[in-house]
Amino acid sequence: MICDSLEEVWVHGNCSELKKLPQFKGEDQSIQPPASLKEIQGTRKWWDSLEWDPAYPQNILQPFFIELQEEEEEEEEEEEEEGNVHSGVACDNCQMKPIVGRRYKCKECHEERVVGTEGWIGFDLCEECYNTPSKHSDFVNQHNTKGHTFELIANRGDSPVPVHTVEEQNSA
């Protein structure tokens, strides 16, 4: 099969039925892909399993290949991301709610559940705000001058791990 108008190839999962990609032959009989081709998406496993004609080598299409993750890897990543969502907790600097990723919780500030808001009162920072003092609001800077220390909660439900105050961590 010769195809001169193909724009995109998307293969989800490991398609064992597609063993070869269509060949391209321009008007000048070259084996270069048509100008219309934008991308070929598929898993590395699928790409590596393709059969290639010696007259039409893989390296001609390699620049168009975009690797997709296999479904199992995507599901694992989604589960990890879901574990890193701290529901009902906002970053007191950038206001990200809920905090996604690592959460830094102040050990000294009292934390209590606020009825009717599905939230908590306390003092929390997301990882980016904790690690970037130049982005801190005046409120956060005033809080840090009190010498409060933080606990790292890497994933929702994890036990807190003590860490230094923001000043100590960034001056080390």
Protein backbone atom coordinates (compact mmCIF):
# COMPACT_ATOMS: atom_id res chain seq x y z
CA MET A 1 0.00 0.00 0.00
CA ILE A 2 1.33 3.44 -0.91
CA CYS A 3 -0.13 6.45 0.88
CA ASP A 4 0.71 10.07 0.05
CA SER A 5 -1.88 11.90 2.18
CA LEU A 6 -1.50 10.39 5.65
CA GLU A 7 -1.37 13.06 8.39
CA GLU A 8 -1.48 11.23 11.72
CA VAL A 9 -1.10 7.67 12.97
CA TRP A 10 -2.37 6.94 16.49
CA VAL A 11 -2.01 3.46 17.91
CA HIS A 12 -3.35 2.98 21.44
CA GLY A 13 -2.02 0.02 23.36
CA ASN A 14 -0.04 -2.69 21.63
CA CYS A 15 -1.69 -3.20 18.24
CA SER A 16 -0.40 -6.56 17.03
CA GLU A 17 -2.51 -6.29 13.85
CA LEU A 18 -0.53 -3.35 12.45
CA LYS A 19 2.83 -4.84 11.54
CA LYS A 20 3.95 -2.33 8.89
CA LEU A 21 3.31 1.33 8.25
CA PRO A 22 2.24 2.40 4.77
CA GLN A 23 5.00 3.35 2.37
CA PHE A 24 5.23 6.80 0.89
CA LYS A 25 6.37 7.57 -2.63
CA GLY A 26 6.25 11.12 -3.81
CA GLU A 27 5.96 12.27 -7.40
CA ASP A 28 9.74 12.14 -7.66
CA GLN A 29 9.66 8.49 -6.48
CA SER A 30 11.53 9.39 -3.28
CA ILE A 31 10.82 7.42 -0.11
CA GLN A 32 10.53 10.55 2.03
CA PRO A 33 7.31 10.89 4.05
CA PRO A 34 4.70 13.23 2.58
CA ALA A 35 4.69 16.82 3.77
CA SER A 36 1.24 16.18 5.26
CA LEU A 37 2.59 13.74 7.89
CA LYS A 38 2.60 15.38 11.33
CA GLU A 39 3.02 12.57 13.86
CA ILE A 40 2.93 8.86 14.60
CA GLN A 41 1.82 8.07 18.14
CA GLY A 42 2.12 4.68 19.78
CA THR A 43 3.81 2.76 22.56
CA ARG A 44 7.50 1.98 22.40
CA LYS A 45 6.61 -1.72 22.43
CA TRP A 46 4.46 -1.30 19.31
CA TRP A 47 7.05 0.86 17.51
CA ASP A 48 9.83 -1.63 18.20
CA SER A 49 7.67 -4.54 16.96
CA LEU A 50 7.05 -3.03 13.51
CA GLU A 51 8.53 -4.77 10.48
CA TRP A 52 10.61 -2.47 8.27
CA ASP A 53 11.38 -2.82 4.59
CA PRO A 54 15.14 -2.46 3.92
CA ALA A 55 14.31 0.01 1.15
CA TYR A 56 12.22 2.00 3.60
CA PRO A 57 14.13 2.14 6.90
CA GLN A 58 12.75 3.05 10.32
CA ASN A 59 14.98 6.11 10.65
CA ILE A 60 12.93 7.93 7.98
CA LEU A 61 9.86 7.95 10.26
CA GLN A 62 11.65 8.11 13.63
CA PRO A 63 11.43 11.95 13.82
CA PHE A 64 7.62 11.70 13.62
CA PHE A 65 7.29 9.11 16.39
CA ILE A 66 5.79 10.29 19.68
CA GLU A 67 5.91 7.67 22.41
CA LEU A 68 2.70 7.04 24.34
CA GLN A 69 2.78 5.34 27.71
CA GLU A 70 1.23 1.93 28.00
CA GLU A 71 -2.16 1.86 29.74
CA GLU A 72 -0.77 0.07 32.81
CA GLU A 73 1.84 2.82 33.31
CA GLU A 74 -0.84 5.52 32.89
CA GLU A 75 -3.07 3.84 35.49
CA GLU A 76 -0.16 3.62 37.96
CA GLU A 77 0.62 7.32 37.45
CA GLU A 78 -3.05 8.25 37.94
CA GLU A 79 -3.13 6.26 41.19
CA GLU A 80 0.04 8.02 42.38
CA GLU A 81 -1.41 11.42 41.49
CA GLU A 82 -4.69 10.61 43.24
CA GLY A 83 -2.69 9.70 46.36
CA ASN A 84 -1.06 13.13 46.24
CA VAL A 85 -4.31 15.10 46.41
CA HIS A 86 -4.82 16.64 49.86
CA SER A 87 -8.60 17.19 49.72
CA GLY A 88 -9.93 20.16 51.64
CA VAL A 89 -6.45 21.67 52.17
CA ALA A 90 -5.33 24.87 50.42
CA CYS A 91 -1.86 26.37 50.12
CA ASP A 92 -1.81 29.50 52.28
CA ASN A 93 0.52 31.21 49.79
CA CYS A 94 -0.72 30.51 46.23
CA GLN A 95 -4.22 29.32 47.27
CA MET A 96 -3.96 26.01 45.33
CA LYS A 97 -6.92 23.95 46.53
CA PRO A 98 -6.63 21.13 47.00
CA ILE A 99 -2.88 20.86 47.39
CA VAL A 100 -1.64 18.37 44.81
CA GLY A 101 1.76 16.83 45.51
CA ARG A 102 3.77 17.28 48.66
CA ARG A 103 2.16 19.24 51.46
CA TYR A 104 4.09 21.14 54.14
CA LYS A 105 2.02 21.54 57.30
CA CYS A 106 2.97 23.91 60.13
CA LYS A 107 3.50 22.03 63.39
CA GLU A 108 2.78 25.04 65.60
CA CYS A 109 -0.43 26.32 64.01
CA HIS A 110 -3.62 24.81 65.38
CA GLU A 111 -5.57 22.87 62.77
CA GLU A 112 -9.31 22.40 62.96
CA ARG A 113 -12.05 21.39 60.58
CA VAL A 114 -14.31 24.20 59.40
CA VAL A 115 -17.92 23.02 59.36
CA GLY A 116 -19.77 23.67 56.11
CA THR A 117 -16.67 24.40 54.02
CA GLU A 118 -15.12 20.94 53.71
CA GLY A 119 -11.83 22.62 54.64
CA TRP A 120 -9.29 22.94 57.40
CA ILE A 121 -7.86 25.95 59.23
CA GLY A 122 -4.16 25.63 59.87
CA PHE A 123 -1.11 26.65 57.89
CA ASP A 124 -0.06 24.66 54.84
CA LEU A 125 2.19 25.23 51.83
CA CYS A 126 2.42 23.34 48.55
CA GLU A 127 5.85 22.07 47.55
CA GLU A 128 6.54 24.87 45.08
CA CYS A 129 5.72 27.61 47.59
CA TYR A 130 7.69 25.89 50.37
CA ASN A 131 10.78 25.69 48.14
CA THR A 132 10.49 29.17 46.59
CA PRO A 133 10.76 31.88 49.29
CA SER A 134 10.88 34.65 46.66
CA LYS A 135 7.23 33.86 45.83
CA HIS A 136 6.04 34.10 49.44
CA SER A 137 3.34 36.62 50.26
CA ASP A 138 3.79 39.01 53.21
CA PHE A 139 1.44 36.75 55.19
CA VAL A 140 3.72 33.74 54.65
CA ASN A 141 6.86 35.76 55.45
CA GLN A 142 5.29 36.99 58.72
CA HIS A 143 4.38 33.41 59.59
CA ASN A 144 7.93 32.19 58.96
CA THR A 145 9.51 34.87 61.14
CA LYS A 146 7.77 33.26 64.10
CA GLY A 147 10.22 30.33 63.68
CA HIS A 148 7.52 27.79 63.04
CA THR A 149 8.58 24.39 61.76
CA PHE A 150 6.88 22.29 59.13
CA GLU A 151 6.06 18.64 58.61
CA LEU A 152 6.17 17.07 55.18
CA ILE A 153 3.11 15.06 54.21
CA ALA A 154 4.17 13.48 50.92
CA ASN A 155 0.89 11.68 50.22
CA ARG A 156 -2.55 12.08 51.74
CA GLY A 157 -2.74 9.71 54.70
CA ASP A 158 1.04 9.48 55.19
CA SER A 159 2.55 10.12 58.60
CA PRO A 160 4.15 13.58 58.80
CA VAL A 161 7.94 13.84 58.58
CA PRO A 162 9.53 16.77 60.48
CA VAL A 163 11.40 19.30 58.33
CA HIS A 164 13.15 22.60 59.08
CA THR A 165 11.58 26.02 59.06
CA VAL A 166 11.48 27.60 55.63
CA GLU A 167 14.36 29.99 56.52
CA GLU A 168 16.56 27.18 57.85
CA GLN A 169 15.95 25.03 54.80
CA ASN A 170 16.71 27.84 52.34
CA SER A 171 19.74 29.24 54.18
CA ALA A 172 21.49 25.85 54.39
